[in-house]
Amino acid sequence: MSDLFIFVNHLVKMSKAIKDKSTEERILNAAKQIFVVKGMAGARMQDIADQAGINKALLHYYFKNKEKLFETIFLEAAQKLFPRINEIFNSDQPLFEKIESFCDEYITMVMENPYLPLFVLNEINQDPEYFMKKVWSGNAKPHPEKFLKQIEIEVKKGKIKNISPLHLLMNLISMTIFPFVGKPMFQKNMSLDELQFRSVMEQRKKEIPRFIIDAIKK
């Protein structure tokens, strides 16, 4: 086998790999758009194939069903979010700045991937141990220990009110996530369209930390 043949064959394989990667990225981007508009339950594989500009058979070649596709998208988002949250938890920022950073980062990520909260709740209810193991691989697992300790220290110094670090963290997470879980209810009862809801969530990046900080500072 000549060196030229080996070289050409290598180039063909590289080209195919690049093409395959490009197709997969196109599918993932199309799926994100469909999931944002229709959610997990309303999305169809045909919708995703049409959005990606490919046929359904090719879509099934890459992802056998929409659940696998959704899982891939979720894990990609989670593996971006949790390490960033850990950076905030473990930084040397003052406590109030950490609270502000947490709200901004979390809300921004979920606004970009609004289907994530309901997916998480559904998966946790089905098999929490498997889900946590899958999502929290590598450095994705949240490590709030330093953040919790920082709250405890601020309480002892008398800089903030005597609040349980765990309850403060739970309040922080609940206030950032629940509006996305209850989005259909809020939109219907408050007559909010998509643009208005997103505007409200942008405001909450400031409103949540302001509310929490005002509640705990002395």
N, C-alpha and C. Protein backbone atom coordinates (compact mmCIF):
# COMPACT_ATOMS: atom_id res chain seq x y z
N MET A 1 0.85 -1.19 0.00
CA MET A 1 0.00 0.00 0.00
C MET A 1 0.89 1.25 0.00
N SER A 2 0.71 2.13 -0.97
CA SER A 2 1.59 3.29 -1.11
C SER A 2 1.32 4.32 -0.03
N ASP A 3 2.35 5.14 0.20
CA ASP A 3 2.20 6.21 1.18
C ASP A 3 1.12 7.20 0.76
N LEU A 4 1.02 7.42 -0.57
CA LEU A 4 0.02 8.36 -1.08
C LEU A 4 -1.39 7.85 -0.77
N PHE A 5 -1.60 6.54 -0.97
CA PHE A 5 -2.92 5.95 -0.71
C PHE A 5 -3.28 6.09 0.77
N ILE A 6 -2.30 5.82 1.64
CA ILE A 6 -2.53 5.92 3.08
C ILE A 6 -2.89 7.36 3.46
N PHE A 7 -2.16 8.30 2.86
CA PHE A 7 -2.40 9.71 3.16
C PHE A 7 -3.79 10.14 2.71
N VAL A 8 -4.17 9.77 1.49
CA VAL A 8 -5.50 10.13 0.97
C VAL A 8 -6.60 9.50 1.81
N ASN A 9 -6.39 8.23 2.20
CA ASN A 9 -7.37 7.53 3.02
C ASN A 9 -7.55 8.22 4.37
N HIS A 10 -6.42 8.69 4.90
CA HIS A 10 -6.44 9.41 6.18
C HIS A 10 -7.24 10.71 6.05
N LEU A 11 -7.05 11.42 4.95
CA LEU A 11 -7.76 12.66 4.72
C LEU A 11 -9.27 12.43 4.58
N VAL A 12 -9.63 11.33 3.92
CA VAL A 12 -11.04 11.00 3.75
C VAL A 12 -11.69 10.73 5.10
N LYS A 13 -10.97 9.98 5.95
CA LYS A 13 -11.50 9.66 7.29
C LYS A 13 -11.66 10.92 8.12
N MET A 14 -10.66 11.82 8.02
CA MET A 14 -10.73 13.08 8.76
C MET A 14 -11.92 13.92 8.28
N SER A 15 -12.11 13.97 6.96
CA SER A 15 -13.20 14.73 6.39
C SER A 15 -14.55 14.19 6.85
N LYS A 16 -14.65 12.85 6.90
CA LYS A 16 -15.89 12.23 7.33
C LYS A 16 -16.17 12.54 8.80
N ALA A 17 -15.12 12.51 9.62
CA ALA A 17 -15.27 12.79 11.04
C ALA A 17 -15.76 14.22 11.26
N ILE A 18 -15.17 15.16 10.49
CA ILE A 18 -15.57 16.56 10.61
C ILE A 18 -17.02 16.73 10.18
N LYS A 19 -17.37 16.07 9.07
CA LYS A 19 -18.74 16.15 8.56
C LYS A 19 -19.73 15.58 9.58
N ASP A 20 -19.36 14.44 10.16
CA ASP A 20 -20.23 13.82 11.15
C ASP A 20 -20.42 14.72 12.36
N LYS A 21 -19.34 15.33 12.80
CA LYS A 21 -19.41 16.22 13.96
C LYS A 21 -20.28 17.42 13.63
N SER A 22 -20.15 17.93 12.42
CA SER A 22 -20.92 19.08 12.00
C SER A 22 -22.42 18.74 11.96
N THR A 23 -22.74 17.56 11.47
CA THR A 23 -24.13 17.13 11.41
C THR A 23 -24.71 16.98 12.81
N GLU A 24 -23.93 16.41 13.71
CA GLU A 24 -24.40 16.23 15.09
C GLU A 24 -24.66 17.57 15.75
N GLU A 25 -23.77 18.52 15.53
CA GLU A 25 -23.96 19.85 16.11
C GLU A 25 -25.21 20.51 15.54
N ARG A 26 -25.45 20.30 14.25
CA ARG A 26 -26.64 20.88 13.62
C ARG A 26 -27.91 20.28 14.23
N ILE A 27 -27.86 18.98 14.48
CA ILE A 27 -29.00 18.31 15.11
C ILE A 27 -29.24 18.85 16.51
N LEU A 28 -28.17 18.98 17.29
CA LEU A 28 -28.30 19.47 18.66
C LEU A 28 -28.84 20.90 18.70
N ASN A 29 -28.36 21.74 17.82
CA ASN A 29 -28.84 23.12 17.77
C ASN A 29 -30.31 23.18 17.37
N ALA A 30 -30.68 22.34 16.41
CA ALA A 30 -32.08 22.28 15.98
C ALA A 30 -32.97 21.78 17.11
N ALA A 31 -32.50 20.76 17.82
CA ALA A 31 -33.28 20.19 18.92
C ALA A 31 -33.50 21.22 20.03
N LYS A 32 -32.49 21.99 20.34
CA LYS A 32 -32.63 23.02 21.37
C LYS A 32 -33.74 24.00 21.00
N GLN A 33 -33.78 24.40 19.74
CA GLN A 33 -34.79 25.35 19.28
C GLN A 33 -36.18 24.74 19.39
N ILE A 34 -36.32 23.49 19.01
CA ILE A 34 -37.62 22.82 19.08
C ILE A 34 -38.06 22.61 20.52
N PHE A 35 -37.12 22.20 21.38
CA PHE A 35 -37.46 21.97 22.79
C PHE A 35 -37.88 23.26 23.48
N VAL A 36 -37.25 24.37 23.12
CA VAL A 36 -37.62 25.66 23.71
C VAL A 36 -39.06 26.02 23.35
N VAL A 37 -39.42 25.79 22.10
CA VAL A 37 -40.75 26.17 21.62
C VAL A 37 -41.83 25.18 22.07
N LYS A 38 -41.54 23.87 21.96
CA LYS A 38 -42.57 22.86 22.18
C LYS A 38 -42.40 22.05 23.45
N GLY A 39 -41.24 22.20 24.11
CA GLY A 39 -41.00 21.41 25.30
C GLY A 39 -40.68 19.97 24.95
N MET A 40 -40.35 19.21 25.98
CA MET A 40 -39.99 17.81 25.78
C MET A 40 -41.18 17.00 25.25
N ALA A 41 -42.35 17.19 25.85
CA ALA A 41 -43.52 16.38 25.49
C ALA A 41 -44.02 16.70 24.08
N GLY A 42 -43.99 17.97 23.70
CA GLY A 42 -44.55 18.37 22.41
C GLY A 42 -43.62 18.20 21.22
N ALA A 43 -42.33 18.05 21.48
CA ALA A 43 -41.36 17.93 20.38
C ALA A 43 -41.48 16.58 19.68
N ARG A 44 -41.31 16.59 18.35
CA ARG A 44 -41.30 15.35 17.57
C ARG A 44 -39.98 15.24 16.82
N MET A 45 -39.56 14.02 16.61
CA MET A 45 -38.31 13.80 15.90
C MET A 45 -38.37 14.40 14.48
N GLN A 46 -39.54 14.35 13.86
CA GLN A 46 -39.69 14.93 12.53
C GLN A 46 -39.47 16.44 12.56
N ASP A 47 -39.98 17.09 13.62
CA ASP A 47 -39.77 18.54 13.77
C ASP A 47 -38.28 18.86 13.84
N ILE A 48 -37.57 18.07 14.60
CA ILE A 48 -36.13 18.30 14.79
C ILE A 48 -35.38 18.05 13.49
N ALA A 49 -35.75 16.97 12.78
CA ALA A 49 -35.11 16.67 11.50
C ALA A 49 -35.34 17.81 10.50
N ASP A 50 -36.58 18.31 10.45
CA ASP A 50 -36.90 19.41 9.53
C ASP A 50 -36.09 20.66 9.89
N GLN A 51 -35.99 20.95 11.19
CA GLN A 51 -35.26 22.13 11.63
C GLN A 51 -33.77 22.01 11.30
N ALA A 52 -33.25 20.79 11.38
CA ALA A 52 -31.83 20.55 11.09
C ALA A 52 -31.55 20.42 9.60
N GLY A 53 -32.60 20.29 8.80
CA GLY A 53 -32.42 20.16 7.36
C GLY A 53 -31.92 18.79 6.93
N ILE A 54 -32.32 17.76 7.68
CA ILE A 54 -31.92 16.40 7.34
C ILE A 54 -33.16 15.52 7.33
N ASN A 55 -33.01 14.27 6.85
CA ASN A 55 -34.16 13.37 6.90
C ASN A 55 -34.21 12.66 8.25
N LYS A 56 -35.37 12.11 8.54
CA LYS A 56 -35.61 11.50 9.84
C LYS A 56 -34.73 10.28 10.07
N ALA A 57 -34.45 9.54 9.00
CA ALA A 57 -33.61 8.35 9.13
C ALA A 57 -32.21 8.71 9.61
N LEU A 58 -31.68 9.81 9.07
CA LEU A 58 -30.34 10.26 9.49
C LEU A 58 -30.37 10.72 10.95
N LEU A 59 -31.44 11.38 11.33
CA LEU A 59 -31.57 11.82 12.73
C LEU A 59 -31.54 10.61 13.67
N HIS A 60 -32.27 9.56 13.31
CA HIS A 60 -32.30 8.35 14.14
C HIS A 60 -30.95 7.63 14.14
N TYR A 61 -30.15 7.84 13.12
CA TYR A 61 -28.81 7.26 13.08
C TYR A 61 -27.94 7.85 14.19
N TYR A 62 -28.12 9.16 14.41
CA TYR A 62 -27.33 9.83 15.45
C TYR A 62 -27.95 9.67 16.83
N PHE A 63 -29.27 9.77 16.90
CA PHE A 63 -29.98 9.68 18.18
C PHE A 63 -31.23 8.82 17.96
N LYS A 64 -31.30 7.72 18.67
CA LYS A 64 -32.37 6.75 18.39
C LYS A 64 -33.76 7.26 18.80
N ASN A 65 -33.83 8.19 19.75
CA ASN A 65 -35.12 8.77 20.13
C ASN A 65 -34.90 10.15 20.74
N LYS A 66 -35.98 10.87 20.96
CA LYS A 66 -35.86 12.25 21.44
C LYS A 66 -35.40 12.30 22.89
N GLU A 67 -35.66 11.21 23.64
CA GLU A 67 -35.19 11.16 25.03
C GLU A 67 -33.66 11.19 25.10
N LYS A 68 -33.03 10.40 24.22
CA LYS A 68 -31.56 10.37 24.17
C LYS A 68 -31.01 11.72 23.72
N LEU A 69 -31.69 12.31 22.77
CA LEU A 69 -31.28 13.63 22.27
C LEU A 69 -31.40 14.68 23.36
N PHE A 70 -32.51 14.64 24.07
CA PHE A 70 -32.74 15.59 25.15
C PHE A 70 -31.71 15.40 26.25
N GLU A 71 -31.42 14.14 26.57
CA GLU A 71 -30.45 13.84 27.62
C GLU A 71 -29.09 14.40 27.26
N THR A 72 -28.70 14.28 26.00
CA THR A 72 -27.41 14.81 25.54
C THR A 72 -27.35 16.32 25.72
N ILE A 73 -28.43 16.99 25.35
CA ILE A 73 -28.50 18.44 25.49
C ILE A 73 -28.46 18.85 26.96
N PHE A 74 -29.20 18.11 27.78
CA PHE A 74 -29.23 18.43 29.20
C PHE A 74 -27.85 18.29 29.84
N LEU A 75 -27.19 17.16 29.55
CA LEU A 75 -25.88 16.92 30.16
C LEU A 75 -24.87 17.98 29.73
N GLU A 76 -24.99 18.41 28.49
CA GLU A 76 -24.10 19.46 27.99
C GLU A 76 -24.31 20.75 28.78
N ALA A 77 -25.57 21.10 29.03
CA ALA A 77 -25.88 22.31 29.79
C ALA A 77 -25.46 22.17 31.24
N ALA A 78 -25.74 21.00 31.84
CA ALA A 78 -25.40 20.76 33.25
C ALA A 78 -23.90 20.82 33.47
N GLN A 79 -23.15 20.28 32.53
CA GLN A 79 -21.70 20.26 32.67
C GLN A 79 -21.08 21.63 32.48
N LYS A 80 -21.86 22.56 31.96
CA LYS A 80 -21.41 23.95 31.89
C LYS A 80 -21.82 24.70 33.16
N LEU A 81 -23.04 24.43 33.62
CA LEU A 81 -23.59 25.18 34.75
C LEU A 81 -22.92 24.83 36.07
N PHE A 82 -22.87 23.55 36.42
CA PHE A 82 -22.41 23.17 37.75
C PHE A 82 -20.96 23.55 38.03
N PRO A 83 -20.03 23.37 37.09
CA PRO A 83 -18.67 23.85 37.37
C PRO A 83 -18.62 25.36 37.61
N ARG A 84 -19.45 26.11 36.84
CA ARG A 84 -19.48 27.56 37.03
C ARG A 84 -20.03 27.91 38.41
N ILE A 85 -21.07 27.18 38.85
CA ILE A 85 -21.63 27.41 40.18
C ILE A 85 -20.58 27.10 41.24
N ASN A 86 -19.80 26.04 41.03
CA ASN A 86 -18.72 25.70 41.96
C ASN A 86 -17.68 26.80 42.03
N GLU A 87 -17.39 27.42 40.90
CA GLU A 87 -16.44 28.54 40.89
C GLU A 87 -16.94 29.67 41.79
N ILE A 88 -18.24 29.92 41.72
CA ILE A 88 -18.84 30.96 42.57
C ILE A 88 -18.78 30.55 44.03
N PHE A 89 -19.20 29.32 44.34
CA PHE A 89 -19.17 28.83 45.72
C PHE A 89 -17.78 28.92 46.33
N ASN A 90 -16.76 28.59 45.55
CA ASN A 90 -15.40 28.48 46.08
C ASN A 90 -14.55 29.73 45.86
N SER A 91 -15.15 30.77 45.34
CA SER A 91 -14.40 32.00 45.12
C SER A 91 -14.19 32.74 46.44
N ASP A 92 -13.39 33.80 46.38
CA ASP A 92 -13.15 34.63 47.56
C ASP A 92 -14.05 35.86 47.57
N GLN A 93 -15.10 35.84 46.78
CA GLN A 93 -16.05 36.96 46.77
C GLN A 93 -16.72 37.13 48.13
N PRO A 94 -17.08 38.35 48.50
CA PRO A 94 -17.90 38.55 49.70
C PRO A 94 -19.23 37.83 49.53
N LEU A 95 -19.88 37.51 50.63
CA LEU A 95 -21.10 36.72 50.60
C LEU A 95 -22.18 37.34 49.72
N PHE A 96 -22.42 38.62 49.86
CA PHE A 96 -23.50 39.25 49.10
C PHE A 96 -23.21 39.20 47.59
N GLU A 97 -21.96 39.35 47.22
CA GLU A 97 -21.59 39.28 45.80
C GLU A 97 -21.78 37.86 45.26
N LYS A 98 -21.53 36.86 46.10
CA LYS A 98 -21.76 35.47 45.68
C LYS A 98 -23.23 35.22 45.41
N ILE A 99 -24.07 35.76 46.27
CA ILE A 99 -25.52 35.60 46.09
C ILE A 99 -25.95 36.23 44.76
N GLU A 100 -25.42 37.40 44.47
CA GLU A 100 -25.73 38.07 43.20
C GLU A 100 -25.22 37.27 42.00
N SER A 101 -24.01 36.76 42.11
CA SER A 101 -23.42 35.99 41.01
C SER A 101 -24.18 34.70 40.76
N PHE A 102 -24.58 34.04 41.85
CA PHE A 102 -25.32 32.78 41.74
C PHE A 102 -26.63 33.00 40.98
N CYS A 103 -27.38 34.01 41.37
CA CYS A 103 -28.67 34.28 40.73
C CYS A 103 -28.50 34.61 39.26
N ASP A 104 -27.52 35.43 38.95
CA ASP A 104 -27.29 35.83 37.57
C ASP A 104 -26.91 34.62 36.71
N GLU A 105 -26.00 33.79 37.21
CA GLU A 105 -25.53 32.64 36.44
C GLU A 105 -26.63 31.60 36.26
N TYR A 106 -27.34 31.30 37.32
CA TYR A 106 -28.37 30.25 37.26
C TYR A 106 -29.51 30.67 36.35
N ILE A 107 -30.01 31.88 36.51
CA ILE A 107 -31.13 32.32 35.70
C ILE A 107 -30.74 32.43 34.23
N THR A 108 -29.53 32.92 33.96
CA THR A 108 -29.06 33.02 32.58
C THR A 108 -29.04 31.64 31.92
N MET A 109 -28.51 30.65 32.61
CA MET A 109 -28.42 29.31 32.04
C MET A 109 -29.81 28.72 31.78
N VAL A 110 -30.72 28.88 32.73
CA VAL A 110 -32.05 28.29 32.55
C VAL A 110 -32.85 29.05 31.50
N MET A 111 -32.63 30.33 31.35
CA MET A 111 -33.29 31.08 30.28
C MET A 111 -32.85 30.58 28.92
N GLU A 112 -31.60 30.17 28.82
CA GLU A 112 -31.10 29.61 27.56
C GLU A 112 -31.58 28.19 27.35
N ASN A 113 -31.92 27.49 28.44
CA ASN A 113 -32.37 26.10 28.37
C ASN A 113 -33.61 25.94 29.26
N PRO A 114 -34.73 26.57 28.91
CA PRO A 114 -35.89 26.63 29.80
C PRO A 114 -36.58 25.30 30.08
N TYR A 115 -36.23 24.28 29.32
CA TYR A 115 -36.83 22.96 29.51
C TYR A 115 -36.12 22.16 30.61
N LEU A 116 -34.99 22.65 31.10
CA LEU A 116 -34.18 21.88 32.04
C LEU A 116 -34.85 21.59 33.38
N PRO A 117 -35.48 22.56 34.05
CA PRO A 117 -36.04 22.26 35.39
C PRO A 117 -37.03 21.11 35.40
N LEU A 118 -37.97 21.12 34.44
CA LEU A 118 -38.97 20.05 34.42
C LEU A 118 -38.33 18.70 34.10
N PHE A 119 -37.32 18.72 33.23
CA PHE A 119 -36.61 17.48 32.91
C PHE A 119 -35.93 16.93 34.16
N VAL A 120 -35.29 17.80 34.92
CA VAL A 120 -34.60 17.39 36.14
C VAL A 120 -35.59 16.78 37.13
N LEU A 121 -36.72 17.46 37.35
CA LEU A 121 -37.72 16.95 38.29
C LEU A 121 -38.23 15.58 37.86
N ASN A 122 -38.48 15.41 36.59
CA ASN A 122 -38.99 14.15 36.07
C ASN A 122 -37.97 13.03 36.26
N GLU A 123 -36.72 13.31 35.93
CA GLU A 123 -35.67 12.29 36.02
C GLU A 123 -35.38 11.93 37.48
N ILE A 124 -35.37 12.91 38.35
CA ILE A 124 -35.10 12.66 39.77
C ILE A 124 -36.19 11.78 40.38
N ASN A 125 -37.43 12.05 40.00
CA ASN A 125 -38.54 11.25 40.52
C ASN A 125 -38.50 9.81 40.03
N GLN A 126 -37.98 9.59 38.83
CA GLN A 126 -37.93 8.24 38.28
C GLN A 126 -36.80 7.42 38.89
N ASP A 127 -35.60 7.99 38.92
CA ASP A 127 -34.45 7.24 39.44
C ASP A 127 -33.39 8.22 39.93
N PRO A 128 -33.56 8.74 41.15
CA PRO A 128 -32.67 9.80 41.63
C PRO A 128 -31.20 9.41 41.70
N GLU A 129 -30.92 8.18 42.13
CA GLU A 129 -29.52 7.76 42.27
C GLU A 129 -28.81 7.70 40.93
N TYR A 130 -29.48 7.12 39.94
CA TYR A 130 -28.88 7.02 38.61
C TYR A 130 -28.70 8.39 37.99
N PHE A 131 -29.72 9.24 38.17
CA PHE A 131 -29.67 10.58 37.58
C PHE A 131 -28.52 11.40 38.16
N MET A 132 -28.38 11.38 39.49
CA MET A 132 -27.32 12.15 40.12
C MET A 132 -25.94 11.66 39.69
N LYS A 133 -25.80 10.36 39.59
CA LYS A 133 -24.52 9.79 39.18
C LYS A 133 -24.17 10.21 37.76
N LYS A 134 -25.18 10.24 36.90
CA LYS A 134 -24.98 10.59 35.50
C LYS A 134 -24.67 12.07 35.33
N VAL A 135 -25.39 12.90 36.04
CA VAL A 135 -25.24 14.35 35.89
C VAL A 135 -24.00 14.88 36.60
N TRP A 136 -23.71 14.33 37.77
CA TRP A 136 -22.63 14.86 38.59
C TRP A 136 -21.32 14.12 38.39
N SER A 137 -21.03 13.74 37.17
CA SER A 137 -19.76 13.09 36.88
C SER A 137 -18.66 14.15 36.82
N GLY A 138 -17.43 13.73 37.08
CA GLY A 138 -16.29 14.64 37.01
C GLY A 138 -16.41 15.78 37.98
N ASN A 139 -16.20 17.00 37.49
CA ASN A 139 -16.24 18.17 38.38
C ASN A 139 -17.60 18.88 38.34
N ALA A 140 -18.62 18.16 37.84
CA ALA A 140 -19.95 18.78 37.71
C ALA A 140 -20.72 18.78 39.03
N LYS A 141 -20.33 17.96 39.97
CA LYS A 141 -21.08 17.89 41.23
C LYS A 141 -20.92 19.20 42.01
N PRO A 142 -22.04 19.77 42.45
CA PRO A 142 -21.95 21.02 43.23
C PRO A 142 -21.24 20.79 44.57
N HIS A 143 -20.43 21.76 44.96
CA HIS A 143 -19.72 21.71 46.24
C HIS A 143 -19.96 23.02 46.98
N PRO A 144 -21.07 23.10 47.71
CA PRO A 144 -21.41 24.36 48.38
C PRO A 144 -20.79 24.52 49.77
N GLU A 145 -19.89 23.60 50.15
CA GLU A 145 -19.38 23.60 51.52
C GLU A 145 -18.77 24.95 51.93
N LYS A 146 -17.95 25.52 51.06
CA LYS A 146 -17.30 26.79 51.41
C LYS A 146 -18.34 27.91 51.53
N PHE A 147 -19.33 27.88 50.67
CA PHE A 147 -20.40 28.88 50.71
C PHE A 147 -21.18 28.77 52.01
N LEU A 148 -21.52 27.55 52.41
CA LEU A 148 -22.26 27.33 53.65
C LEU A 148 -21.44 27.77 54.86
N LYS A 149 -20.14 27.46 54.82
CA LYS A 149 -19.25 27.86 55.91
C LYS A 149 -19.14 29.37 55.99
N GLN A 150 -19.11 30.01 54.83
CA GLN A 150 -19.02 31.47 54.78
C GLN A 150 -20.25 32.12 55.42
N ILE A 151 -21.41 31.55 55.18
CA ILE A 151 -22.64 32.05 55.80
C ILE A 151 -22.54 31.92 57.32
N GLU A 152 -22.07 30.77 57.77
CA GLU A 152 -21.92 30.50 59.21
C GLU A 152 -20.98 31.51 59.86
N ILE A 153 -19.89 31.81 59.18
CA ILE A 153 -18.90 32.77 59.70
C ILE A 153 -19.50 34.17 59.80
N GLU A 154 -20.26 34.56 58.75
CA GLU A 154 -20.88 35.89 58.75
C GLU A 154 -21.91 36.02 59.87
N VAL A 155 -22.59 34.93 60.17
CA VAL A 155 -23.55 34.93 61.29
C VAL A 155 -22.80 35.14 62.60
N LYS A 156 -21.70 34.39 62.81
CA LYS A 156 -20.93 34.48 64.04
C LYS A 156 -20.30 35.86 64.22
N LYS A 157 -19.94 36.51 63.11
CA LYS A 157 -19.36 37.85 63.18
C LYS A 157 -20.42 38.91 63.45
N GLY A 158 -21.69 38.51 63.34
CA GLY A 158 -22.77 39.45 63.57
C GLY A 158 -23.07 40.34 62.38
N LYS A 159 -22.55 39.96 61.19
CA LYS A 159 -22.76 40.78 60.00
C LYS A 159 -24.11 40.49 59.33
N ILE A 160 -24.64 39.28 59.55
CA ILE A 160 -25.96 38.94 59.04
C ILE A 160 -26.77 38.30 60.16
N LYS A 161 -28.06 38.21 59.95
CA LYS A 161 -28.94 37.64 60.97
C LYS A 161 -28.65 36.15 61.17
N ASN A 162 -29.14 35.62 62.26
CA ASN A 162 -28.90 34.21 62.60
C ASN A 162 -29.79 33.30 61.74
N ILE A 163 -29.30 32.99 60.54
CA ILE A 163 -30.05 32.15 59.62
C ILE A 163 -29.29 30.86 59.36
N SER A 164 -30.00 29.78 59.18
CA SER A 164 -29.39 28.50 58.85
C SER A 164 -28.76 28.57 57.46
N PRO A 165 -27.48 28.24 57.32
CA PRO A 165 -26.84 28.23 56.00
C PRO A 165 -27.58 27.36 54.99
N LEU A 166 -28.06 26.21 55.45
CA LEU A 166 -28.78 25.30 54.56
C LEU A 166 -30.08 25.94 54.06
N HIS A 167 -30.81 26.59 54.96
CA HIS A 167 -32.07 27.22 54.55
C HIS A 167 -31.82 28.38 53.59
N LEU A 168 -30.74 29.12 53.82
CA LEU A 168 -30.41 30.23 52.92
C LEU A 168 -30.12 29.70 51.51
N LEU A 169 -29.35 28.61 51.44
CA LEU A 169 -29.06 28.02 50.13
C LEU A 169 -30.33 27.50 49.46
N MET A 170 -31.19 26.84 50.24
CA MET A 170 -32.44 26.32 49.69
C MET A 170 -33.33 27.45 49.18
N ASN A 171 -33.38 28.55 49.92
CA ASN A 171 -34.16 29.71 49.48
C ASN A 171 -33.63 30.25 48.16
N LEU A 172 -32.32 30.33 48.07
CA LEU A 172 -31.66 30.85 46.88
C LEU A 172 -31.99 30.00 45.66
N ILE A 173 -31.87 28.70 45.82
CA ILE A 173 -32.15 27.78 44.70
C ILE A 173 -33.63 27.80 44.34
N SER A 174 -34.49 27.75 45.35
CA SER A 174 -35.94 27.70 45.10
C SER A 174 -36.42 28.95 44.36
N MET A 175 -35.93 30.10 44.76
CA MET A 175 -36.40 31.35 44.16
C MET A 175 -35.92 31.52 42.73
N THR A 176 -34.80 30.90 42.39
CA THR A 176 -34.31 31.00 41.02
C THR A 176 -34.97 29.97 40.09
N ILE A 177 -35.27 28.79 40.62
CA ILE A 177 -35.77 27.71 39.78
C ILE A 177 -37.29 27.70 39.63
N PHE A 178 -38.03 27.96 40.72
CA PHE A 178 -39.49 27.75 40.68
C PHE A 178 -40.21 28.52 39.58
N PRO A 179 -39.86 29.78 39.31
CA PRO A 179 -40.59 30.48 38.23
C PRO A 179 -40.53 29.76 36.89
N PHE A 180 -39.43 29.05 36.63
CA PHE A 180 -39.33 28.30 35.37
C PHE A 180 -40.19 27.04 35.43
N VAL A 181 -40.25 26.40 36.60
CA VAL A 181 -41.10 25.22 36.75
C VAL A 181 -42.57 25.61 36.62
N GLY A 182 -42.93 26.74 37.20
CA GLY A 182 -44.32 27.20 37.16
C GLY A 182 -44.62 28.17 36.03
N LYS A 183 -43.75 28.18 35.04
CA LYS A 183 -43.89 29.13 33.93
C LYS A 183 -45.27 29.13 33.27
N PRO A 184 -45.83 27.98 32.89
CA PRO A 184 -47.17 27.99 32.25
C PRO A 184 -48.23 28.63 33.14
N MET A 185 -48.16 28.34 34.44
CA MET A 185 -49.12 28.91 35.38
C MET A 185 -48.98 30.43 35.45
N PHE A 186 -47.74 30.91 35.57
CA PHE A 186 -47.51 32.35 35.65
C PHE A 186 -47.97 33.05 34.37
N GLN A 187 -47.63 32.44 33.23
CA GLN A 187 -47.98 33.08 31.96
C GLN A 187 -49.50 33.16 31.78
N LYS A 188 -50.19 32.11 32.15
CA LYS A 188 -51.65 32.09 31.97
C LYS A 188 -52.34 33.03 32.96
N ASN A 189 -51.98 32.92 34.23
CA ASN A 189 -52.66 33.72 35.26
C ASN A 189 -52.29 35.19 35.23
N MET A 190 -51.07 35.49 34.79
CA MET A 190 -50.61 36.87 34.75
C MET A 190 -50.67 37.47 33.35
N SER A 191 -51.16 36.67 32.39
CA SER A 191 -51.27 37.12 30.98
C SER A 191 -49.93 37.61 30.45
N LEU A 192 -48.90 36.79 30.63
CA LEU A 192 -47.56 37.13 30.17
C LEU A 192 -47.23 36.35 28.90
N ASP A 193 -46.79 37.04 27.87
CA ASP A 193 -46.30 36.31 26.70
C ASP A 193 -44.83 35.95 26.92
N GLU A 194 -44.23 35.29 25.96
CA GLU A 194 -42.85 34.81 26.14
C GLU A 194 -41.88 35.95 26.39
N LEU A 195 -42.00 37.01 25.64
CA LEU A 195 -41.10 38.16 25.79
C LEU A 195 -41.25 38.80 27.16
N GLN A 196 -42.49 38.91 27.63
CA GLN A 196 -42.73 39.51 28.94
C GLN A 196 -42.18 38.62 30.06
N PHE A 197 -42.35 37.30 29.91
CA PHE A 197 -41.83 36.38 30.93
C PHE A 197 -40.31 36.48 31.01
N ARG A 198 -39.65 36.53 29.86
CA ARG A 198 -38.19 36.63 29.84
C ARG A 198 -37.73 37.95 30.47
N SER A 199 -38.50 39.00 30.24
CA SER A 199 -38.17 40.30 30.83
C SER A 199 -38.27 40.24 32.35
N VAL A 200 -39.30 39.55 32.84
CA VAL A 200 -39.46 39.39 34.29
C VAL A 200 -38.30 38.61 34.88
N MET A 201 -37.87 37.56 34.19
CA MET A 201 -36.76 36.75 34.68
C MET A 201 -35.45 37.52 34.66
N GLU A 202 -35.28 38.40 33.70
CA GLU A 202 -34.10 39.27 33.70
C GLU A 202 -34.11 40.16 34.93
N GLN A 203 -35.29 40.66 35.28
CA GLN A 203 -35.42 41.50 36.47
C GLN A 203 -35.11 40.71 37.74
N ARG A 204 -35.46 39.42 37.74
CA ARG A 204 -35.24 38.60 38.93
C ARG A 204 -33.76 38.37 39.22
N LYS A 205 -32.92 38.55 38.25
CA LYS A 205 -31.47 38.46 38.49
C LYS A 205 -31.05 39.49 39.54
N LYS A 206 -31.77 40.60 39.59
CA LYS A 206 -31.48 41.64 40.58
C LYS A 206 -32.43 41.57 41.78
N GLU A 207 -33.68 41.21 41.50
CA GLU A 207 -34.70 41.22 42.56
C GLU A 207 -34.45 40.15 43.62
N ILE A 208 -34.05 38.95 43.21
CA ILE A 208 -33.83 37.86 44.18
C ILE A 208 -32.69 38.20 45.14
N PRO A 209 -31.49 38.55 44.63
CA PRO A 209 -30.43 38.88 45.59
C PRO A 209 -30.78 40.08 46.47
N ARG A 210 -31.48 41.07 45.90
CA ARG A 210 -31.86 42.23 46.71
C ARG A 210 -32.80 41.80 47.84
N PHE A 211 -33.75 40.96 47.53
CA PHE A 211 -34.72 40.48 48.52
C PHE A 211 -34.01 39.68 49.63
N ILE A 212 -33.13 38.75 49.23
CA ILE A 212 -32.44 37.90 50.21
C ILE A 212 -31.47 38.72 51.07
N ILE A 213 -30.72 39.59 50.43
CA ILE A 213 -29.73 40.40 51.17
C ILE A 213 -30.43 41.33 52.16
N ASP A 214 -31.52 41.95 51.72
CA ASP A 214 -32.28 42.83 52.63
C ASP A 214 -32.85 42.05 53.81
N ALA A 215 -33.16 40.77 53.56
CA ALA A 215 -33.77 39.94 54.62
C ALA A 215 -32.76 39.47 55.66
N ILE A 216 -31.49 39.33 55.27
CA ILE A 216 -30.51 38.75 56.20
C ILE A 216 -29.51 39.74 56.77
N LYS A 217 -29.35 40.90 56.14
CA LYS A 217 -28.34 41.82 56.65
C LYS A 217 -28.84 42.56 57.89
N LYS A 218 -27.91 42.94 58.73
CA LYS A 218 -28.26 43.68 59.94
C LYS A 218 -28.12 45.17 59.73
